[in-house]
Protein backbone atom coordinates (compact mmCIF):
# COMPACT_ATOMS: atom_id res chain seq x y z
CA UNK A 1 -42.44 68.46 104.56
CA UNK A 2 -40.08 69.12 101.64
CA UNK A 3 -36.34 69.51 101.37
CA UNK A 4 -35.37 73.19 101.26
CA UNK A 5 -32.17 74.70 99.84
CA UNK A 6 -31.16 75.52 103.43
CA UNK A 7 -31.40 71.80 104.27
CA UNK A 8 -29.08 70.97 101.38
CA UNK A 9 -26.56 73.58 102.56
CA UNK A 10 -26.66 72.16 106.09
CA UNK A 11 -26.07 68.65 104.74
CA UNK A 12 -23.07 69.91 102.74
CA UNK A 13 -21.61 71.59 105.86
CA UNK A 14 -22.20 68.46 107.97
CA UNK A 15 -20.44 66.20 105.46
CA UNK A 16 -17.52 68.61 105.17
CA UNK A 17 -17.16 68.87 108.96
CA UNK A 18 -17.83 65.15 109.55
CA UNK A 19 -20.66 66.23 111.86
CA UNK A 20 -23.73 64.03 112.40
CA UNK A 21 -27.10 64.89 110.91
CA UNK A 22 -29.91 64.05 113.34
CA UNK A 23 -33.66 63.93 112.69
CA UNK A 24 -35.98 63.13 115.61
CA UNK A 25 -39.68 62.26 115.56
CA UNK A 26 -42.11 60.98 118.18
CA UNK A 27 -44.98 59.81 115.97
CA UNK A 28 -43.21 59.57 112.57
CA UNK A 29 -46.02 60.64 110.20
CA UNK A 30 -45.74 59.71 106.52
CA UNK A 31 -44.52 63.18 105.48
CA UNK A 32 -41.66 62.87 107.99
CA UNK A 33 -40.68 59.49 106.52
CA UNK A 34 -40.55 61.02 103.03
CA UNK A 35 -38.51 63.96 104.31
CA UNK A 36 -36.02 61.55 105.93
CA UNK A 37 -35.75 59.65 102.64
CA UNK A 38 -34.96 62.91 100.82
CA UNK A 39 -32.34 63.89 103.41
CA UNK A 40 -30.77 60.43 103.10
CA UNK A 41 -30.64 60.76 99.30
CA UNK A 42 -28.99 64.19 99.49
CA UNK A 43 -26.56 62.95 102.17
CA UNK A 44 -25.55 59.94 100.05
CA UNK A 45 -25.10 62.26 97.07
CA UNK A 46 -22.70 64.44 99.10
CA UNK A 47 -20.86 61.27 100.20
CA UNK A 48 -20.69 60.10 96.56
CA UNK A 49 -22.77 57.01 97.35
CA UNK A 50 -25.89 58.04 95.41
CA UNK A 51 -25.90 54.68 93.56
CA UNK A 52 -27.05 53.13 96.86
CA UNK A 53 -29.86 55.61 97.46
CA UNK A 54 -32.77 53.50 96.19
CA UNK A 55 -31.83 50.42 98.23
CA UNK A 56 -31.04 52.39 101.36
CA UNK A 57 -34.25 54.42 101.17
CA UNK A 58 -36.13 51.13 101.45
CA UNK A 59 -33.89 49.93 104.29
CA UNK A 60 -34.19 53.11 106.33
CA UNK A 61 -37.99 53.17 105.95
CA UNK A 62 -38.24 49.57 107.16
CA UNK A 63 -35.99 50.31 110.13
CA UNK A 64 -37.94 53.44 111.04
CA UNK A 65 -41.17 51.43 111.09
CA UNK A 66 -39.51 48.80 113.29
CA UNK A 67 -38.25 51.43 115.73
CA UNK A 68 -41.65 53.13 115.84
CA UNK A 69 -43.33 49.76 116.46
CA UNK A 70 -40.90 49.03 119.32
CA UNK A 71 -41.93 52.30 120.98
CA UNK A 72 -45.64 51.53 120.46
CA UNK A 73 -45.05 48.12 122.00
CA UNK A 74 -43.64 49.70 125.20
CA UNK A 75 -46.71 51.91 125.55
CA UNK A 76 -49.06 49.01 124.83
CA UNK A 77 -47.47 46.76 127.45
CA UNK A 78 -47.60 49.55 130.04
CA UNK A 79 -51.29 50.13 129.29
CA UNK A 80 -51.97 46.40 129.73
CA UNK A 81 -49.93 46.23 132.97
CA UNK A 82 -47.66 43.64 131.38
CA UNK A 83 -43.91 43.37 132.04
CA UNK A 84 -42.19 43.46 128.67
CA UNK A 85 -39.03 41.90 130.16
CA UNK A 86 -40.99 38.81 131.29
CA UNK A 87 -41.17 36.12 128.62
CA UNK A 88 -44.65 34.99 129.67
CA UNK A 89 -46.02 38.54 129.70
CA UNK A 90 -44.28 39.26 126.40
CA UNK A 91 -45.89 36.28 124.67
CA UNK A 92 -49.27 37.18 126.15
CA UNK A 93 -49.06 40.80 125.01
CA UNK A 94 -47.87 40.00 121.51
CA UNK A 95 -50.98 37.88 120.82
CA UNK A 96 -53.16 41.00 120.59
CA UNK A 97 -50.56 43.77 120.11
CA UNK A 98 -50.90 44.16 116.35
CA UNK A 99 -54.71 44.10 116.14
CA UNK A 100 -55.30 46.35 119.16
CA UNK A 101 -52.73 49.01 118.27
CA UNK A 102 -53.82 49.20 114.61
CA UNK A 103 -57.42 49.63 115.75
CA UNK A 104 -56.47 52.55 118.02
CA UNK A 105 -53.23 53.82 116.48
CA UNK A 106 -53.72 57.55 117.13
CA UNK A 107 -54.17 56.89 120.83
CA UNK A 108 -50.97 54.86 121.10
CA UNK A 109 -48.96 57.36 119.04
CA UNK A 110 -50.13 60.17 121.32
CA UNK A 111 -49.05 58.08 124.32
CA UNK A 112 -45.62 57.53 122.74
CA UNK A 113 -45.11 61.27 122.49
CA UNK A 114 -46.40 61.74 126.04
CA UNK A 115 -43.81 59.25 127.31
CA UNK A 116 -41.03 60.88 125.26
CA UNK A 117 -40.42 57.81 123.11
CA UNK A 118 -38.63 58.94 119.96
CA UNK A 119 -37.22 57.61 116.72
CA UNK A 120 -33.97 59.24 115.64
CA UNK A 121 -32.05 59.06 112.36
CA UNK A 122 -28.31 59.78 112.55
CA UNK A 123 -26.24 60.18 109.37
CA UNK A 124 -22.50 60.73 109.50
CA UNK A 125 -19.40 60.27 107.36
CA UNK A 126 -15.77 59.95 108.45
CA UNK A 127 -12.59 59.03 106.59
CA UNK A 128 -13.43 55.32 106.52
CA UNK A 129 -17.20 54.85 106.68
CA UNK A 130 -20.58 56.35 105.90
CA UNK A 131 -22.71 55.68 108.99
CA UNK A 132 -26.52 55.36 108.90
CA UNK A 133 -28.18 54.79 112.27
CA UNK A 134 -31.76 54.41 113.46
CA UNK A 135 -32.05 54.97 117.22
CA UNK A 136 -35.01 54.71 119.56
CA UNK A 137 -35.14 54.96 123.33
CA UNK A 138 -36.76 51.55 123.89
CA UNK A 139 -34.01 49.17 124.97
CA UNK A 140 -34.33 45.65 123.56
CA UNK A 141 -35.30 42.80 125.85
CA UNK A 142 -33.08 39.71 125.89
CA UNK A 143 -35.55 37.69 123.81
CA UNK A 144 -36.02 40.53 121.29
CA UNK A 145 -32.24 40.58 120.81
CA UNK A 146 -32.29 36.80 120.36
CA UNK A 147 -34.99 37.01 117.69
CA UNK A 148 -33.12 39.74 115.79
CA UNK A 149 -29.89 37.74 115.93
CA UNK A 150 -31.79 34.71 114.65
CA UNK A 151 -33.16 36.72 111.69
CA UNK A 152 -29.69 38.02 110.82
CA UNK A 153 -28.29 34.48 110.85
CA UNK A 154 -31.28 33.21 108.86
CA UNK A 155 -30.42 35.62 106.06
CA UNK A 156 -27.38 33.42 105.30
CA UNK A 157 -29.73 30.66 104.10
CA UNK A 158 -31.17 32.72 101.25
CA UNK A 159 -29.73 33.79 97.93
CA UNK A 160 -32.67 35.86 96.69
CA UNK A 161 -35.80 37.66 97.86
CA UNK A 162 -37.93 35.08 96.04
CA UNK A 163 -36.56 32.35 98.33
CA UNK A 164 -37.48 34.43 101.37
CA UNK A 165 -41.11 34.94 100.34
CA UNK A 166 -41.64 31.21 99.64
CA UNK A 167 -40.32 30.20 103.09
CA UNK A 168 -42.35 29.97 106.29
CA UNK A 169 -40.89 32.32 108.89
CA UNK A 170 -41.62 33.25 112.48
CA UNK A 171 -44.95 35.12 112.53
CA UNK A 172 -44.63 36.57 116.04
CA UNK A 173 -43.05 39.85 114.87
CA UNK A 174 -44.87 40.30 111.58
CA UNK A 175 -43.07 37.39 109.85
CA UNK A 176 -39.63 38.93 110.43
CA UNK A 177 -39.18 39.57 106.72
CA UNK A 178 -37.83 43.12 107.09
CA UNK A 179 -34.44 42.35 108.61
CA UNK A 180 -33.76 39.48 106.20
CA UNK A 181 -34.76 41.59 103.18
CA UNK A 182 -32.52 44.45 104.35
CA UNK A 183 -29.51 42.14 104.67
CA UNK A 184 -30.17 40.60 101.25
CA UNK A 185 -30.46 44.09 99.73
CA UNK A 186 -27.16 45.09 101.33
CA UNK A 187 -25.56 41.93 99.93
CA UNK A 188 -26.93 42.81 96.52
CA UNK A 189 -24.97 46.09 96.54
CA UNK A 190 -21.74 44.41 97.64
CA UNK A 191 -22.05 44.62 101.43
CA UNK A 192 -22.46 41.86 104.00
CA UNK A 193 -24.35 41.24 107.24
CA UNK A 194 -21.23 42.57 109.00
CA UNK A 195 -22.20 46.02 107.70
CA UNK A 196 -25.50 45.72 109.58
CA UNK A 197 -25.49 45.78 113.39
CA UNK A 198 -28.14 45.99 116.08
CA UNK A 199 -27.06 46.79 119.63
CA UNK A 200 -28.24 48.52 122.77
CA UNK A 201 -26.71 51.28 124.85
CA UNK A 202 -27.82 52.17 128.35
CA UNK A 203 -30.94 53.91 127.06
CA UNK A 204 -31.22 53.31 123.30
CA UNK A 205 -31.54 50.59 120.71
CA UNK A 206 -29.30 51.31 117.71
CA UNK A 207 -29.54 49.77 114.26
CA UNK A 208 -26.48 50.67 112.23
CA UNK A 209 -25.60 50.33 108.55
CA UNK A 210 -21.97 51.12 107.74
CA UNK A 211 -20.87 51.72 104.16
CA UNK A 212 -17.11 51.52 103.72
CA UNK A 213 -15.58 54.38 101.76
CA UNK A 214 -14.17 52.95 98.55
CA UNK A 215 -10.53 52.08 99.23
CA UNK A 216 -9.48 52.74 95.64
CA UNK A 217 -10.97 56.25 95.86
CA UNK A 218 -9.29 56.77 99.24
CA UNK A 219 -5.96 55.71 97.77
CA UNK A 220 -6.35 58.04 94.79
CA UNK A 221 -7.38 60.97 96.99
CA UNK A 222 -4.39 60.34 99.26
CA UNK A 223 -2.14 60.29 96.19
CA UNK A 224 -3.58 63.67 95.15
CA UNK A 225 -3.16 65.09 98.65
CA UNK A 226 0.51 64.10 98.74
CA UNK A 227 1.07 65.68 95.31
CA UNK A 228 -0.78 68.85 96.37
CA UNK A 229 1.32 69.20 99.54
CA UNK A 230 4.56 68.62 97.62
CA UNK A 231 3.66 71.62 95.43
CA UNK A 232 3.30 74.02 98.39
CA UNK A 233 6.71 75.67 98.22
CA UNK A 234 5.42 79.13 99.10
CA UNK A 235 3.31 80.60 101.91
CA UNK A 236 0.13 82.31 100.60
CA UNK A 237 -0.29 85.57 102.57
CA UNK A 238 -2.96 88.28 102.39
CA UNK A 239 -1.58 91.41 100.73
CA UNK A 240 -2.55 93.74 103.61
CA UNK A 241 -1.02 91.41 106.22
CA UNK A 242 2.22 91.15 104.22
CA UNK A 243 2.38 94.93 103.85
CA UNK A 244 1.74 95.46 107.58
CA UNK A 245 4.47 93.09 108.72
CA UNK A 246 6.95 94.62 106.25
CA UNK A 247 6.23 98.04 107.71
CA UNK A 248 6.64 96.85 111.30
CA UNK A 249 9.94 95.10 110.54
CA UNK A 250 11.19 98.19 108.68
CA UNK A 251 10.70 100.40 111.75
CA UNK A 252 13.89 101.60 113.48
CA UNK A 253 12.34 100.48 116.77
CA UNK A 254 10.30 97.30 116.24
CA UNK A 255 7.21 97.22 118.46
CA UNK A 256 6.88 93.63 119.67
CA UNK A 257 3.10 93.93 120.21
CA UNK A 258 2.59 95.20 116.67
CA UNK A 259 4.72 92.33 115.36
CA UNK A 260 2.75 89.70 117.31
CA UNK A 261 -0.46 91.31 116.04
CA UNK A 262 0.67 90.98 112.42
CA UNK A 263 1.50 87.30 112.78
CA UNK A 264 -1.69 86.54 114.71
CA UNK A 265 -3.88 87.73 111.81
CA UNK A 266 -2.39 85.44 109.17
CA UNK A 267 -2.15 81.67 109.51
CA UNK A 268 0.54 81.38 106.82
CA UNK A 269 2.73 84.13 108.27
CA UNK A 270 2.51 82.21 111.55
CA UNK A 271 3.38 78.95 109.76
CA UNK A 272 6.42 80.65 108.22
CA UNK A 273 7.49 81.96 111.63
CA UNK A 274 7.16 78.55 113.31
CA UNK A 275 8.95 76.89 110.41
CA UNK A 276 11.95 79.22 110.92
CA UNK A 277 11.88 78.72 114.69
CA UNK A 278 11.79 74.93 114.24
CA UNK A 279 15.35 75.06 112.88
CA UNK A 280 16.47 76.67 116.16
CA UNK A 281 14.33 74.83 118.68
CA UNK A 282 11.78 72.01 118.49
CA UNK A 283 8.09 72.08 119.50
CA UNK A 284 7.38 75.79 119.29
CA UNK A 285 3.73 76.62 118.71
CA UNK A 286 3.73 80.11 120.23
CA UNK A 287 4.14 83.33 118.22
CA UNK A 288 5.82 85.12 121.12
CA UNK A 289 8.16 82.22 121.86
CA UNK A 290 9.11 81.85 118.17
CA UNK A 291 9.94 85.58 117.91
CA UNK A 292 12.08 85.35 121.06
CA UNK A 293 13.94 82.29 119.77
CA UNK A 294 14.71 83.93 116.41
CA UNK A 295 15.43 87.42 117.77
CA UNK A 296 14.07 90.64 116.27
CA UNK A 297 17.13 91.57 114.22
CA UNK A 298 17.61 88.06 112.89
CA UNK A 299 13.91 87.83 112.02
CA UNK A 300 14.11 91.14 110.16
CA UNK A 301 17.08 89.90 108.07
CA UNK A 302 15.51 86.47 107.51
CA UNK A 303 12.19 87.93 106.38
CA UNK A 304 13.89 90.16 103.80
CA UNK A 305 15.91 87.22 102.54
CA UNK A 306 12.78 85.01 102.28
CA UNK A 307 10.42 87.49 100.61
CA UNK A 308 10.23 85.26 97.51
CA UNK A 309 8.82 82.46 99.69
CA UNK A 310 5.45 84.23 99.83
CA UNK A 311 2.55 84.24 97.38
CA UNK A 312 0.56 87.44 97.80
CA UNK A 313 -3.22 87.03 97.91
CA UNK A 314 -5.37 90.03 97.02
CA UNK A 315 -7.60 91.13 99.92
CA UNK A 316 -10.70 91.64 97.82
CA UNK A 317 -11.06 87.90 97.23
CA UNK A 318 -13.72 86.01 99.18
CA UNK A 319 -10.89 83.90 100.61
CA UNK A 320 -10.33 86.63 103.20
CA UNK A 321 -13.29 85.07 105.07
CA UNK A 322 -11.19 81.96 105.54
CA UNK A 323 -8.48 84.00 107.28
CA UNK A 324 -11.15 85.60 109.47
CA UNK A 325 -12.57 82.20 110.37
CA UNK A 326 -9.07 81.02 111.27
CA UNK A 327 -8.31 83.75 113.77
CA UNK A 328 -11.85 83.65 115.15
CA UNK A 329 -11.36 79.98 116.00
CA UNK A 330 -7.97 80.84 117.52
CA UNK A 331 -9.54 83.52 119.72
CA UNK A 332 -12.50 81.34 120.73
CA UNK A 333 -10.15 78.45 121.60
CA UNK A 334 -7.96 80.68 123.80
CA UNK A 335 -11.11 81.79 125.67
CA UNK A 336 -12.58 78.29 125.98
CA UNK A 337 -9.41 76.78 127.44
CA UNK A 338 -10.24 78.46 130.76
CA UNK A 339 -13.02 75.89 131.19
CA UNK A 340 -10.71 72.86 131.07
CA UNK A 341 -7.98 71.60 133.39
CA UNK A 342 -5.61 70.63 130.57
CA UNK A 343 -3.24 67.68 130.90
CA UNK A 344 -0.80 69.58 128.66
CA UNK A 345 -0.19 72.96 130.25
CA UNK A 346 -0.16 75.36 127.32
CA UNK A 347 -0.49 79.14 127.14
CA UNK A 348 -3.33 81.14 125.58
CA UNK A 349 -0.88 82.16 122.84
CA UNK A 350 -0.22 78.50 122.01
CA UNK A 351 -3.94 77.62 122.05
CA UNK A 352 -4.62 80.59 119.76
CA UNK A 353 -2.08 79.31 117.23
CA UNK A 354 -3.52 75.76 117.36
CA UNK A 355 -7.00 77.14 116.69
CA UNK A 356 -5.87 79.48 113.94
CA UNK A 357 -4.09 76.71 112.01
CA UNK A 358 -6.89 74.10 112.26
CA UNK A 359 -8.20 74.65 108.69
CA UNK A 360 -4.91 75.39 106.95
CA UNK A 361 -5.61 72.61 104.42
CA UNK A 362 -8.86 74.31 103.36
CA UNK A 363 -7.24 77.72 102.89
CA UNK A 364 -4.22 76.36 101.00
CA UNK A 365 -6.54 74.58 98.56
CA UNK A 366 -8.83 77.61 98.12
CA UNK A 367 -5.93 79.89 97.13
CA UNK A 368 -4.22 77.34 94.88
CA UNK A 369 -2.94 79.12 91.79
CA UNK A 370 -4.42 78.46 88.36
CA UNK A 371 -1.03 77.11 87.24
CA UNK A 372 -0.95 74.58 90.07
CA UNK A 373 -4.56 73.55 89.41
CA UNK A 374 -3.61 72.83 85.82
CA UNK A 375 -0.60 70.81 87.00
CA UNK A 376 -2.79 68.83 89.39
CA UNK A 377 -5.31 68.07 86.65
CA UNK A 378 -2.48 66.93 84.40
CA UNK A 379 -1.26 64.71 87.24
CA UNK A 380 -4.77 63.22 87.53
CA UNK A 381 -4.75 62.40 83.82
CA UNK A 382 -1.28 60.81 84.02
CA UNK A 383 -2.20 58.70 87.07
CA UNK A 384 -5.72 57.95 85.73
CA UNK A 385 -7.29 59.31 88.90
CA UNK A 386 -11.07 59.05 88.62
CA UNK A 387 -13.48 62.01 88.64
CA UNK A 388 -14.95 60.96 91.98
CA UNK A 389 -11.55 61.12 93.71
CA UNK A 390 -10.84 64.50 92.07
CA UNK A 391 -14.17 65.82 93.30
CA UNK A 392 -13.47 64.64 96.85
CA UNK A 393 -10.12 66.41 96.75
CA UNK A 394 -11.19 69.70 95.17
CA UNK A 395 -14.22 69.94 97.50
CA UNK A 396 -11.72 69.77 100.40
CA UNK A 397 -13.51 66.79 101.97
CA UNK A 398 -10.07 65.63 103.13
CA UNK A 399 -8.76 69.03 104.27
CA UNK A 400 -7.81 67.73 107.72
CA UNK A 401 -5.45 65.22 106.11
CA UNK A 402 -3.89 67.72 103.69
CA UNK A 403 -3.51 70.31 106.47
CA UNK A 404 -1.79 67.78 108.71
CA UNK A 405 0.60 66.84 105.89
CA UNK A 406 1.34 70.52 105.29
CA UNK A 407 2.18 71.02 108.97
CA UNK A 408 4.61 68.10 108.82
CA UNK A 409 6.17 69.41 105.61
CA UNK A 410 6.81 72.75 107.33
CA UNK A 411 8.30 70.97 110.39
CA UNK A 412 5.61 72.24 112.74
CA UNK A 413 5.23 70.43 116.10
CA UNK A 414 3.28 67.17 116.33
CA UNK A 415 0.59 68.83 118.45
CA UNK A 416 -0.21 71.16 115.52
CA UNK A 417 -0.43 68.39 112.93
CA UNK A 418 -2.61 66.29 115.28
CA UNK A 419 -4.99 69.17 116.02
CA UNK A 420 -5.38 69.80 112.28
CA UNK A 421 -5.84 66.09 111.54
CA UNK A 422 -8.44 65.35 114.23
CA UNK A 423 -10.37 68.59 114.85
CA UNK A 424 -13.39 67.20 112.96
CA UNK A 425 -13.00 63.69 114.47
CA UNK A 426 -11.84 64.44 118.03
CA UNK A 427 -12.69 60.99 119.38
CA UNK A 428 -10.05 59.48 117.05
CA UNK A 429 -7.28 61.76 118.34
CA UNK A 430 -4.41 60.22 120.35
CA UNK A 431 -5.14 60.51 124.07
CA UNK A 432 -2.13 62.79 124.59
CA UNK A 433 -3.75 65.78 122.85
CA UNK A 434 -7.46 64.85 123.05
CA UNK A 435 -8.50 67.56 125.53
CA UNK A 436 -6.85 70.22 123.37
CA UNK A 437 -8.52 68.86 120.22
CA UNK A 438 -11.88 68.95 122.02
CA UNK A 439 -11.39 72.67 122.66
CA UNK A 440 -10.47 73.36 119.02
CA UNK A 441 -13.46 71.31 117.87
CA UNK A 442 -15.87 73.35 120.01
CA UNK A 443 -14.23 76.64 118.95
CA UNK A 444 -14.64 75.64 115.30
CA UNK A 445 -18.20 74.36 115.68
CA UNK A 446 -19.22 77.52 117.54
CA UNK A 447 -18.70 79.55 114.36
CA UNK A 448 -21.16 77.37 112.43
CA UNK A 449 -23.51 77.09 115.42
CA UNK A 450 -23.61 80.87 115.84
CA UNK A 451 -24.53 81.28 112.17
CA UNK A 452 -27.27 78.62 112.36
CA UNK A 453 -25.45 76.25 109.99
CA UNK A 454 -25.28 73.37 112.47
CA UNK A 455 -27.38 72.32 115.46
CA UNK A 456 -26.33 71.64 119.03
CA UNK A 457 -26.90 67.91 118.48
CA UNK A 458 -24.24 67.86 115.75
CA UNK A 459 -21.42 68.90 118.08
CA UNK A 460 -19.29 66.11 119.54
CA UNK A 461 -20.84 65.13 122.86
CA UNK A 462 -17.56 64.14 124.52
CA UNK A 463 -16.09 67.52 123.56
CA UNK A 464 -19.07 69.29 125.13
CA UNK A 465 -18.69 67.15 128.25
CA UNK A 466 -14.96 67.96 128.43
CA UNK A 467 -15.84 71.67 128.48
CA UNK A 468 -18.67 71.08 130.99
CA UNK A 469 -21.34 72.29 128.53
CA UNK A 470 -24.66 70.52 129.06
CA UNK A 471 -27.33 72.46 127.19
CA UNK A 472 -27.85 74.35 123.96
CA UNK A 473 -28.75 77.47 125.91
CA UNK A 474 -25.47 77.29 127.82
CA UNK A 475 -23.52 77.01 124.55
CA UNK A 476 -25.42 79.96 123.09
CA UNK A 477 -24.54 82.10 126.13
CA UNK A 478 -20.86 81.13 125.81
CA UNK A 479 -20.92 82.01 122.11
CA UNK A 480 -22.51 85.41 122.78
CA UNK A 481 -20.04 86.27 125.56
CA UNK A 482 -16.95 85.36 123.54
CA UNK A 483 -18.33 87.04 120.42
CA UNK A 484 -18.65 90.28 122.40
CA UNK A 485 -15.04 89.97 123.55
CA UNK A 486 -13.91 89.33 119.99
């Protein structure tokens, strides 16, 4: 099984969206192990942690073998009518476990699959950490947990791998070298045993390695984001949308529906409208409400006066797809809200606006003028901002942060800046707006799901639960129905 270009594209999308990458196997053949190693390498490359790839490839292989062995152990004990949670039975079973399972491995692997015992790799990045997890649905016994904890603590005694191999260790679990070697390898690349955790959930054992995102890089990227936002003095608007709204406002009798339609097709025209309404009344995130607050005649005068506040973007550019994605998400969100009893009672118009503005940081960066790109590069040189931080910024890996800062700069309501900031990390959102952010997250993910760029497993599970979506088939039906309406 080899990495394909489509796999690389999916990894890029997952990193950009902060969505998890999951790989599941029941028997974990060698070719699957190698494929997982390749995915890990590509994932670390996208996270700019490729210098750790060699060490982590070893670690993940060792952990996969451990997880697979734990599953085999459950099947073995069941076959021998032994209770794995009983210390006496456990010690009895482990005396022959290794020899008997190696002698009849295919049989036990087939039984693992029959019992639905899996090994799962989960890779994810957020603003603070790169997460690498190995999960298997064999929950640790109390004495297995104790042994693992003992191995982790034992790692403190050693300064090198040579010391480990010359020491006599517990032979019950295959000498227990793996965990200690992993921790020493992590220490070698500047991490500690605190970056390595083993814990159990209700139905899984999870081994987690967390790599902190370099704080210097984070600081430099944040510096760049602030500079980028400070340069956004104009609203970039598609040429056709600008022309349409000019024509509507120039009519002797302004048709309110036509006016709303013009604003609803351009996220920056809507941002401009809400920015003007904010001076009159706080917390407006509705196109209709903002027009009513400003008044048609006043809006007509204001728009003419502010025409130099717009940068006109030619329609033939590929960036038009970003505008289309924006109002698709707005439409999908306004449809999905019917499935949730929201704590904050908002209208479909308001939900549409929240969805449409979710990726404003991405679009603003994509249409950045050549002059401003030159100025930003000059700023990087002056501040000695490293290439890695520049790459993170220009690949819009931090678009949720820049978009949120833009919303604040334009005096948009807190609900808008929070939706933008947390739509890719909904679990981190303040409780006040979490149900709304869950809806925007699903509306956004549906676009990628419908195009086959992400899988059902990559969508936030709490968001799916909030919308009462349990299966992939159910999500596909919802996507098809809303797509038809769109």
